[in-house]
Amino acid sequence: NKVSYLENGTPTSKTVTPTANGAAADAVANQPKNGKLTE
C-alpha cells in the first residue's frame, strides 16, 4: 500500500510521508474537494 501510495501520489487517508532524511511532511491539510488550495 505504501509503495502504491508513494508512486501514484493519491492519498487514501490522512497520512504523512517520510522525507529522505527520515523526517515527516504533512499532506496538504483540509483540502477542498475540488482540489483548489486555500490562499
PDB file of all heavy atoms in Angstrom:
ATOM      1  N   ASN A   1       0.827  -1.202   0.000  1.00  0.00           N
ATOM      2  CA  ASN A   1       0.000   0.000   0.000  1.00  0.00           C
ATOM      3  C   ASN A   1       0.863   1.255   0.000  1.00  0.00           C
ATOM      4  O   ASN A   1       0.569   2.244  -0.677  1.00  0.00           O
ATOM      5  CB  ASN A   1      -0.918  -0.005   1.223  1.00  0.00           C
ATOM      6  CG  ASN A   1      -1.976   1.083   1.148  1.00  0.00           C
ATOM      7  OD1 ASN A   1      -2.608   1.248   0.112  1.00  0.00           O
ATOM      8  ND2 ASN A   1      -2.169   1.806   2.234  1.00  0.00           N
ATOM      9  N   LYS A   2       1.983   1.208   0.760  1.00  0.00           N
ATOM     10  CA  LYS A   2       2.876   2.371   0.833  1.00  0.00           C
ATOM     11  C   LYS A   2       3.523   2.645  -0.506  1.00  0.00           C
ATOM     12  O   LYS A   2       3.583   3.796  -0.954  1.00  0.00           O
ATOM     13  CB  LYS A   2       3.956   2.123   1.890  1.00  0.00           C
ATOM     14  CG  LYS A   2       4.925   3.293   2.044  1.00  0.00           C
ATOM     15  CD  LYS A   2       5.950   3.007   3.119  1.00  0.00           C
ATOM     16  CE  LYS A   2       6.922   4.174   3.267  1.00  0.00           C
ATOM     17  NZ  LYS A   2       7.953   3.919   4.288  1.00  0.00           N
ATOM     18  N   VAL A   3       3.993   1.597  -1.184  1.00  0.00           N
ATOM     19  CA  VAL A   3       4.623   1.770  -2.486  1.00  0.00           C
ATOM     20  C   VAL A   3       3.616   2.324  -3.494  1.00  0.00           C
ATOM     21  O   VAL A   3       3.910   3.257  -4.244  1.00  0.00           O
ATOM     22  CB  VAL A   3       5.207   0.435  -2.997  1.00  0.00           C
ATOM     23  CG1 VAL A   3       5.643   0.555  -4.452  1.00  0.00           C
ATOM     24  CG2 VAL A   3       6.379   0.011  -2.130  1.00  0.00           C
ATOM     25  N   SER A   4       2.401   1.762  -3.490  1.00  0.00           N
ATOM     26  CA  SER A   4       1.372   2.238  -4.410  1.00  0.00           C
ATOM     27  C   SER A   4       1.018   3.681  -4.136  1.00  0.00           C
ATOM     28  O   SER A   4       0.844   4.493  -5.044  1.00  0.00           O
ATOM     29  CB  SER A   4       0.109   1.366  -4.292  1.00  0.00           C
ATOM     30  OG  SER A   4       0.398   0.042  -4.651  1.00  0.00           O
ATOM     31  N   TYR A   5       0.936   4.020  -2.851  1.00  0.00           N
ATOM     32  CA  TYR A   5       0.589   5.390  -2.454  1.00  0.00           C
ATOM     33  C   TYR A   5       1.653   6.383  -2.883  1.00  0.00           C
ATOM     34  O   TYR A   5       1.364   7.423  -3.473  1.00  0.00           O
ATOM     35  CB  TYR A   5       0.399   5.443  -0.938  1.00  0.00           C
ATOM     36  CG  TYR A   5       0.364   6.849  -0.387  1.00  0.00           C
ATOM     37  CD1 TYR A   5      -0.731   7.662  -0.626  1.00  0.00           C
ATOM     38  CD2 TYR A   5       1.424   7.348   0.358  1.00  0.00           C
ATOM     39  CE1 TYR A   5      -0.770   8.952  -0.132  1.00  0.00           C
ATOM     40  CE2 TYR A   5       1.398   8.634   0.851  1.00  0.00           C
ATOM     41  CZ  TYR A   5       0.291   9.433   0.607  1.00  0.00           C
ATOM     42  OH  TYR A   5       0.271  10.700   1.088  1.00  0.00           O
ATOM     43  N   LEU A   6       2.921   6.046  -2.646  1.00  0.00           N
ATOM     44  CA  LEU A   6       4.001   6.960  -2.999  1.00  0.00           C
ATOM     45  C   LEU A   6       4.103   7.136  -4.507  1.00  0.00           C
ATOM     46  O   LEU A   6       4.304   8.240  -5.004  1.00  0.00           O
ATOM     47  CB  LEU A   6       5.331   6.442  -2.449  1.00  0.00           C
ATOM     48  CG  LEU A   6       5.532   6.546  -0.944  1.00  0.00           C
ATOM     49  CD1 LEU A   6       6.808   5.827  -0.551  1.00  0.00           C
ATOM     50  CD2 LEU A   6       5.578   8.000  -0.491  1.00  0.00           C
ATOM     51  N   GLU A   7       3.950   6.050  -5.259  1.00  0.00           N
ATOM     52  CA  GLU A   7       4.095   6.122  -6.700  1.00  0.00           C
ATOM     53  C   GLU A   7       2.918   6.793  -7.368  1.00  0.00           C
ATOM     54  O   GLU A   7       3.069   7.553  -8.311  1.00  0.00           O
ATOM     55  CB  GLU A   7       4.271   4.714  -7.287  1.00  0.00           C
ATOM     56  CG  GLU A   7       5.641   4.122  -7.026  1.00  0.00           C
ATOM     57  CD  GLU A   7       5.839   2.832  -7.775  1.00  0.00           C
ATOM     58  OE1 GLU A   7       4.832   2.155  -8.076  1.00  0.00           O
ATOM     59  OE2 GLU A   7       6.990   2.480  -8.073  1.00  0.00           O
ATOM     60  N   ASN A   8       1.725   6.515  -6.890  1.00  0.00           N
ATOM     61  CA  ASN A   8       0.542   7.058  -7.558  1.00  0.00           C
ATOM     62  C   ASN A   8       0.196   8.448  -7.080  1.00  0.00           C
ATOM     63  O   ASN A   8      -0.542   9.174  -7.737  1.00  0.00           O
ATOM     64  CB  ASN A   8      -0.651   6.117  -7.347  1.00  0.00           C
ATOM     65  CG  ASN A   8      -1.755   6.367  -8.339  1.00  0.00           C
ATOM     66  OD1 ASN A   8      -1.520   6.822  -9.454  1.00  0.00           O
ATOM     67  ND2 ASN A   8      -2.968   6.082  -7.945  1.00  0.00           N
ATOM     68  N   GLY A   9       0.727   8.838  -5.906  1.00  0.00           N
ATOM     69  CA  GLY A   9       0.541  10.197  -5.443  1.00  0.00           C
ATOM     70  C   GLY A   9      -0.861  10.526  -4.997  1.00  0.00           C
ATOM     71  O   GLY A   9      -1.209  11.685  -4.821  1.00  0.00           O
ATOM     72  N   THR A  10      -1.725   9.530  -4.835  1.00  0.00           N
ATOM     73  CA  THR A  10      -3.105   9.791  -4.459  1.00  0.00           C
ATOM     74  C   THR A  10      -3.344   9.367  -3.018  1.00  0.00           C
ATOM     75  O   THR A  10      -3.372   8.180  -2.710  1.00  0.00           O
ATOM     76  CB  THR A  10      -4.076   9.005  -5.372  1.00  0.00           C
ATOM     77  OG1 THR A  10      -3.749   9.313  -6.724  1.00  0.00           O
ATOM     78  CG2 THR A  10      -5.509   9.373  -5.086  1.00  0.00           C
ATOM     79  N   PRO A  11      -3.568  10.315  -2.100  1.00  0.00           N
ATOM     80  CA  PRO A  11      -3.776   9.968  -0.707  1.00  0.00           C
ATOM     81  C   PRO A  11      -5.025   9.134  -0.519  1.00  0.00           C
ATOM     82  O   PRO A  11      -6.071   9.442  -1.080  1.00  0.00           O
ATOM     83  CB  PRO A  11      -3.914  11.340  -0.026  1.00  0.00           C
ATOM     84  CG  PRO A  11      -3.297  12.312  -0.970  1.00  0.00           C
ATOM     85  CD  PRO A  11      -3.548  11.756  -2.331  1.00  0.00           C
ATOM     86  N   THR A  12      -4.944   8.083   0.273  1.00  0.00           N
ATOM     87  CA  THR A  12      -6.110   7.281   0.593  1.00  0.00           C
ATOM     88  C   THR A  12      -6.610   7.577   1.999  1.00  0.00           C
ATOM     89  O   THR A  12      -7.680   7.169   2.381  1.00  0.00           O
ATOM     90  CB  THR A  12      -5.770   5.779   0.507  1.00  0.00           C
ATOM     91  OG1 THR A  12      -4.635   5.519   1.346  1.00  0.00           O
ATOM     92  CG2 THR A  12      -5.424   5.390  -0.920  1.00  0.00           C
ATOM     93  N   SER A  13      -5.828   8.290   2.776  1.00  0.00           N
ATOM     94  CA  SER A  13      -6.218   8.680   4.123  1.00  0.00           C
ATOM     95  C   SER A  13      -5.317   9.809   4.559  1.00  0.00           C
ATOM     96  O   SER A  13      -4.369  10.177   3.878  1.00  0.00           O
ATOM     97  CB  SER A  13      -6.068   7.491   5.089  1.00  0.00           C
ATOM     98  OG  SER A  13      -4.718   7.092   5.146  1.00  0.00           O
ATOM     99  N   LYS A  14      -5.611  10.384   5.709  1.00  0.00           N
ATOM    100  CA  LYS A  14      -4.767  11.452   6.228  1.00  0.00           C
ATOM    101  C   LYS A  14      -3.471  10.821   6.715  1.00  0.00           C
ATOM    102  O   LYS A  14      -3.460  10.021   7.637  1.00  0.00           O
ATOM    103  CB  LYS A  14      -5.484  12.147   7.388  1.00  0.00           C
ATOM    104  CG  LYS A  14      -5.076  13.600   7.557  1.00  0.00           C
ATOM    105  CD  LYS A  14      -6.022  14.294   8.479  1.00  0.00           C
ATOM    106  CE  LYS A  14      -5.735  15.793   8.514  1.00  0.00           C
ATOM    107  NZ  LYS A  14      -6.666  16.505   9.398  1.00  0.00           N
ATOM    108  N   THR A  15      -2.378  11.157   6.087  1.00  0.00           N
ATOM    109  CA  THR A  15      -1.130  10.451   6.372  1.00  0.00           C
ATOM    110  C   THR A  15       0.060  11.378   6.238  1.00  0.00           C
ATOM    111  O   THR A  15      -0.092  12.538   5.908  1.00  0.00           O
ATOM    112  CB  THR A  15      -0.967   9.249   5.412  1.00  0.00           C
ATOM    113  OG1 THR A  15       0.165   8.500   5.791  1.00  0.00           O
ATOM    114  CG2 THR A  15      -0.783   9.707   3.978  1.00  0.00           C
ATOM    115  N   VAL A  16       1.232  10.856   6.512  1.00  0.00           N
ATOM    116  CA  VAL A  16       2.458  11.626   6.332  1.00  0.00           C
ATOM    117  C   VAL A  16       3.416  10.810   5.493  1.00  0.00           C
ATOM    118  O   VAL A  16       3.324   9.595   5.434  1.00  0.00           O
ATOM    119  CB  VAL A  16       3.133  11.966   7.686  1.00  0.00           C
ATOM    120  CG1 VAL A  16       2.260  12.887   8.498  1.00  0.00           C
ATOM    121  CG2 VAL A  16       3.434  10.696   8.478  1.00  0.00           C
ATOM    122  N   THR A  17       4.334  11.489   4.861  1.00  0.00           N
ATOM    123  CA  THR A  17       5.304  10.835   4.001  1.00  0.00           C
ATOM    124  C   THR A  17       6.705  11.085   4.533  1.00  0.00           C
ATOM    125  O   THR A  17       7.052  12.235   4.781  1.00  0.00           O
ATOM    126  CB  THR A  17       5.201  11.385   2.572  1.00  0.00           C
ATOM    127  OG1 THR A  17       3.882  11.145   2.087  1.00  0.00           O
ATOM    128  CG2 THR A  17       6.202  10.708   1.654  1.00  0.00           C
ATOM    129  N   PRO A  18       7.522  10.052   4.709  1.00  0.00           N
ATOM    130  CA  PRO A  18       8.884  10.267   5.191  1.00  0.00           C
ATOM    131  C   PRO A  18       9.727  10.966   4.142  1.00  0.00           C
ATOM    132  O   PRO A  18       9.636  10.651   2.964  1.00  0.00           O
ATOM    133  CB  PRO A  18       9.390   8.847   5.453  1.00  0.00           C
ATOM    134  CG  PRO A  18       8.569   7.982   4.565  1.00  0.00           C
ATOM    135  CD  PRO A  18       7.232   8.644   4.460  1.00  0.00           C
ATOM    136  N   THR A  19      10.547  11.898   4.562  1.00  0.00           N
ATOM    137  CA  THR A  19      11.462  12.564   3.647  1.00  0.00           C
ATOM    138  C   THR A  19      12.738  11.741   3.559  1.00  0.00           C
ATOM    139  O   THR A  19      12.885  10.725   4.237  1.00  0.00           O
ATOM    140  CB  THR A  19      11.811  13.978   4.150  1.00  0.00           C
ATOM    141  OG1 THR A  19      12.588  13.852   5.351  1.00  0.00           O
ATOM    142  CG2 THR A  19      10.570  14.777   4.440  1.00  0.00           C
ATOM    143  N   ALA A  20      13.673  12.198   2.726  1.00  0.00           N
ATOM    144  CA  ALA A  20      14.919  11.447   2.530  1.00  0.00           C
ATOM    145  C   ALA A  20      15.730  11.351   3.819  1.00  0.00           C
ATOM    146  O   ALA A  20      16.476  10.412   4.021  1.00  0.00           O
ATOM    147  CB  ALA A  20      15.755  12.114   1.442  1.00  0.00           C
ATOM    148  N   ASN A  21      15.572  12.325   4.709  1.00  0.00           N
ATOM    149  CA  ASN A  21      16.380  12.304   5.931  1.00  0.00           C
ATOM    150  C   ASN A  21      15.614  11.729   7.128  1.00  0.00           C
ATOM    151  O   ASN A  21      16.034  11.866   8.264  1.00  0.00           O
ATOM    152  CB  ASN A  21      16.897  13.713   6.257  1.00  0.00           C
ATOM    153  CG  ASN A  21      15.762  14.700   6.498  1.00  0.00           C
ATOM    154  OD1 ASN A  21      14.607  14.298   6.537  1.00  0.00           O
ATOM    155  ND2 ASN A  21      16.103  15.953   6.650  1.00  0.00           N
ATOM    156  N   GLY A  22      14.457  11.112   6.856  1.00  0.00           N
ATOM    157  CA  GLY A  22      13.729  10.432   7.914  1.00  0.00           C
ATOM    158  C   GLY A  22      12.721  11.292   8.639  1.00  0.00           C
ATOM    159  O   GLY A  22      12.013  10.827   9.522  1.00  0.00           O
ATOM    160  N   ALA A  23      12.623  12.580   8.266  1.00  0.00           N
ATOM    161  CA  ALA A  23      11.609  13.444   8.879  1.00  0.00           C
ATOM    162  C   ALA A  23      10.265  13.125   8.254  1.00  0.00           C
ATOM    163  O   ALA A  23      10.141  12.237   7.427  1.00  0.00           O
ATOM    164  CB  ALA A  23      11.986  14.908   8.661  1.00  0.00           C
ATOM    165  N   ALA A  24       9.236  13.856   8.625  1.00  0.00           N
ATOM    166  CA  ALA A  24       7.915  13.592   8.061  1.00  0.00           C
ATOM    167  C   ALA A  24       7.275  14.889   7.613  1.00  0.00           C
ATOM    168  O   ALA A  24       7.380  15.907   8.268  1.00  0.00           O
ATOM    169  CB  ALA A  24       7.025  12.897   9.090  1.00  0.00           C
ATOM    170  N   ALA A  25       6.625  14.841   6.452  1.00  0.00           N
ATOM    171  CA  ALA A  25       5.947  16.029   5.922  1.00  0.00           C
ATOM    172  C   ALA A  25       4.454  15.770   5.890  1.00  0.00           C
ATOM    173  O   ALA A  25       3.998  14.766   5.355  1.00  0.00           O
ATOM    174  CB  ALA A  25       6.453  16.326   4.512  1.00  0.00           C
ATOM    175  N   ASP A  26       3.663  16.672   6.474  1.00  0.00           N
ATOM    176  CA  ASP A  26       2.219  16.510   6.469  1.00  0.00           C
ATOM    177  C   ASP A  26       1.666  16.687   5.071  1.00  0.00           C
ATOM    178  O   ASP A  26       2.122  17.516   4.303  1.00  0.00           O
ATOM    179  CB  ASP A  26       1.562  17.543   7.388  1.00  0.00           C
ATOM    180  CG  ASP A  26       1.843  17.236   8.842  1.00  0.00           C
ATOM    181  OD1 ASP A  26       1.669  16.074   9.223  1.00  0.00           O
ATOM    182  OD2 ASP A  26       2.243  18.151   9.583  1.00  0.00           O
ATOM    183  N   ALA A  27       0.652  15.888   4.745  1.00  0.00           N
ATOM    184  CA  ALA A  27      -0.058  16.097   3.493  1.00  0.00           C
ATOM    185  C   ALA A  27      -0.810  17.414   3.584  1.00  0.00           C
ATOM    186  O   ALA A  27      -1.003  17.959   4.664  1.00  0.00           O
ATOM    187  CB  ALA A  27      -1.043  14.940   3.265  1.00  0.00           C
ATOM    188  N   VAL A  28      -1.210  17.952   2.439  1.00  0.00           N
ATOM    189  CA  VAL A  28      -1.946  19.214   2.451  1.00  0.00           C
ATOM    190  C   VAL A  28      -3.194  19.053   3.312  1.00  0.00           C
ATOM    191  O   VAL A  28      -4.005  18.168   3.078  1.00  0.00           O
ATOM    192  CB  VAL A  28      -2.354  19.612   1.016  1.00  0.00           C
ATOM    193  CG1 VAL A  28      -3.207  20.874   1.040  1.00  0.00           C
ATOM    194  CG2 VAL A  28      -1.119  19.835   0.176  1.00  0.00           C
ATOM    195  N   ALA A  29      -3.323  19.893   4.320  1.00  0.00           N
ATOM    196  CA  ALA A  29      -4.421  19.752   5.275  1.00  0.00           C
ATOM    197  C   ALA A  29      -5.686  20.428   4.767  1.00  0.00           C
ATOM    198  O   ALA A  29      -5.648  21.452   4.104  1.00  0.00           O
ATOM    199  CB  ALA A  29      -4.017  20.368   6.614  1.00  0.00           C
ATOM    200  N   ASN A  30      -6.825  19.832   5.111  1.00  0.00           N
ATOM    201  CA  ASN A  30      -8.130  20.419   4.821  1.00  0.00           C
ATOM    202  C   ASN A  30      -8.303  20.813   3.360  1.00  0.00           C
ATOM    203  O   ASN A  30      -8.770  21.902   3.044  1.00  0.00           O
ATOM    204  CB  ASN A  30      -8.356  21.656   5.707  1.00  0.00           C
ATOM    205  CG  ASN A  30      -8.225  21.321   7.178  1.00  0.00           C
ATOM    206  OD1 ASN A  30      -8.741  20.312   7.638  1.00  0.00           O
ATOM    207  ND2 ASN A  30      -7.529  22.170   7.922  1.00  0.00           N
ATOM    208  N   GLN A  31      -7.931  19.946   2.467  1.00  0.00           N
ATOM    209  CA  GLN A  31      -8.076  20.238   1.048  1.00  0.00           C
ATOM    210  C   GLN A  31      -9.545  20.302   0.664  1.00  0.00           C
ATOM    211  O   GLN A  31     -10.319  19.426   1.008  1.00  0.00           O
ATOM    212  CB  GLN A  31      -7.443  19.118   0.216  1.00  0.00           C
ATOM    213  CG  GLN A  31      -6.029  19.374  -0.186  1.00  0.00           C
ATOM    214  CD  GLN A  31      -5.521  18.218  -1.011  1.00  0.00           C
ATOM    215  OE1 GLN A  31      -6.180  17.775  -1.927  1.00  0.00           O
ATOM    216  NE2 GLN A  31      -4.356  17.716  -0.666  1.00  0.00           N
ATOM    217  N   PRO A  32      -9.950  21.329  -0.088  1.00  0.00           N
ATOM    218  CA  PRO A  32     -11.301  21.349  -0.629  1.00  0.00           C
ATOM    219  C   PRO A  32     -11.478  20.175  -1.579  1.00  0.00           C
ATOM    220  O   PRO A  32     -10.524  19.721  -2.193  1.00  0.00           O
ATOM    221  CB  PRO A  32     -11.350  22.692  -1.379  1.00  0.00           C
ATOM    222  CG  PRO A  32     -10.260  23.510  -0.781  1.00  0.00           C
ATOM    223  CD  PRO A  32      -9.198  22.538  -0.396  1.00  0.00           C
ATOM    224  N   LYS A  33     -12.690  19.693  -1.708  1.00  0.00           N
ATOM    225  CA  LYS A  33     -12.930  18.501  -2.511  1.00  0.00           C
ATOM    226  C   LYS A  33     -12.593  18.700  -3.982  1.00  0.00           C
ATOM    227  O   LYS A  33     -12.249  17.756  -4.670  1.00  0.00           O
ATOM    228  CB  LYS A  33     -14.391  18.053  -2.359  1.00  0.00           C
ATOM    229  CG  LYS A  33     -14.701  17.485  -0.973  1.00  0.00           C
ATOM    230  CD  LYS A  33     -16.122  17.002  -0.891  1.00  0.00           C
ATOM    231  CE  LYS A  33     -16.424  16.432   0.488  1.00  0.00           C
ATOM    232  NZ  LYS A  33     -17.820  15.966   0.598  1.00  0.00           N
ATOM    233  N   ASN A  34     -12.707  19.946  -4.486  1.00  0.00           N
ATOM    234  CA  ASN A  34     -12.424  20.162  -5.901  1.00  0.00           C
ATOM    235  C   ASN A  34     -10.941  20.288  -6.197  1.00  0.00           C
ATOM    236  O   ASN A  34     -10.547  20.484  -7.338  1.00  0.00           O
ATOM    237  CB  ASN A  34     -13.169  21.406  -6.417  1.00  0.00           C
ATOM    238  CG  ASN A  34     -12.654  22.700  -5.792  1.00  0.00           C
ATOM    239  OD1 ASN A  34     -11.803  22.674  -4.908  1.00  0.00           O
ATOM    240  ND2 ASN A  34     -13.187  23.827  -6.237  1.00  0.00           N
ATOM    241  N   GLY A  35     -10.079  20.181  -5.167  1.00  0.00           N
ATOM    242  CA  GLY A  35      -8.649  20.225  -5.369  1.00  0.00           C
ATOM    243  C   GLY A  35      -8.049  21.609  -5.304  1.00  0.00           C
ATOM    244  O   GLY A  35      -6.834  21.752  -5.354  1.00  0.00           O
ATOM    245  N   LYS A  36      -8.876  22.659  -5.223  1.00  0.00           N
ATOM    246  CA  LYS A  36      -8.339  24.012  -5.167  1.00  0.00           C
ATOM    247  C   LYS A  36      -7.787  24.297  -3.779  1.00  0.00           C
ATOM    248  O   LYS A  36      -8.436  24.052  -2.771  1.00  0.00           O
ATOM    249  CB  LYS A  36      -9.419  25.036  -5.520  1.00  0.00           C
ATOM    250  CG  LYS A  36      -8.877  26.454  -5.666  1.00  0.00           C
ATOM    251  CD  LYS A  36      -9.964  27.401  -6.148  1.00  0.00           C
ATOM    252  CE  LYS A  36      -9.409  28.802  -6.333  1.00  0.00           C
ATOM    253  NZ  LYS A  36     -10.458  29.744  -6.806  1.00  0.00           N
ATOM    254  N   LEU A  37      -6.565  24.802  -3.725  1.00  0.00           N
ATOM    255  CA  LEU A  37      -5.927  25.083  -2.452  1.00  0.00           C
ATOM    256  C   LEU A  37      -6.399  26.421  -1.888  1.00  0.00           C
ATOM    257  O   LEU A  37      -6.829  27.306  -2.623  1.00  0.00           O
ATOM    258  CB  LEU A  37      -4.400  25.123  -2.618  1.00  0.00           C
ATOM    259  CG  LEU A  37      -3.719  23.894  -3.227  1.00  0.00           C
ATOM    260  CD1 LEU A  37      -2.206  24.053  -3.145  1.00  0.00           C
ATOM    261  CD2 LEU A  37      -4.152  22.614  -2.535  1.00  0.00           C
ATOM    262  N   THR A  38      -6.299  26.550  -0.588  1.00  0.00           N
ATOM    263  CA  THR A  38      -6.589  27.834   0.039  1.00  0.00           C
ATOM    264  C   THR A  38      -5.447  28.803  -0.293  1.00  0.00           C
ATOM    265  O   THR A  38      -4.394  28.387  -0.788  1.00  0.00           O
ATOM    266  CB  THR A  38      -6.682  27.683   1.563  1.00  0.00           C
ATOM    267  OG1 THR A  38      -5.385  27.297   2.072  1.00  0.00           O
ATOM    268  CG2 THR A  38      -7.708  26.624   1.950  1.00  0.00           C
ATOM    269  N   GLU A  39      -5.642  30.075  -0.016  1.00  0.00           N
ATOM    270  CA  GLU A  39      -4.595  31.060  -0.286  1.00  0.00           C
ATOM    271  C   GLU A  39      -3.319  30.735   0.485  1.00  0.00           C
ATOM    272  O   GLU A  39      -2.207  30.878  -0.034  1.00  0.00           O
ATOM    273  CB  GLU A  39      -5.078  32.464   0.069  1.00  0.00           C
ATOM    274  CG  GLU A  39      -6.113  33.027  -0.905  1.00  0.00           C
ATOM    275  CD  GLU A  39      -6.452  34.470  -0.602  1.00  0.00           C
ATOM    276  OE1 GLU A  39      -5.699  35.120   0.159  1.00  0.00           O
ATOM    277  OE2 GLU A  39      -7.469  34.955  -1.129  1.00  0.00           O
TER     278      GLU A  39
END
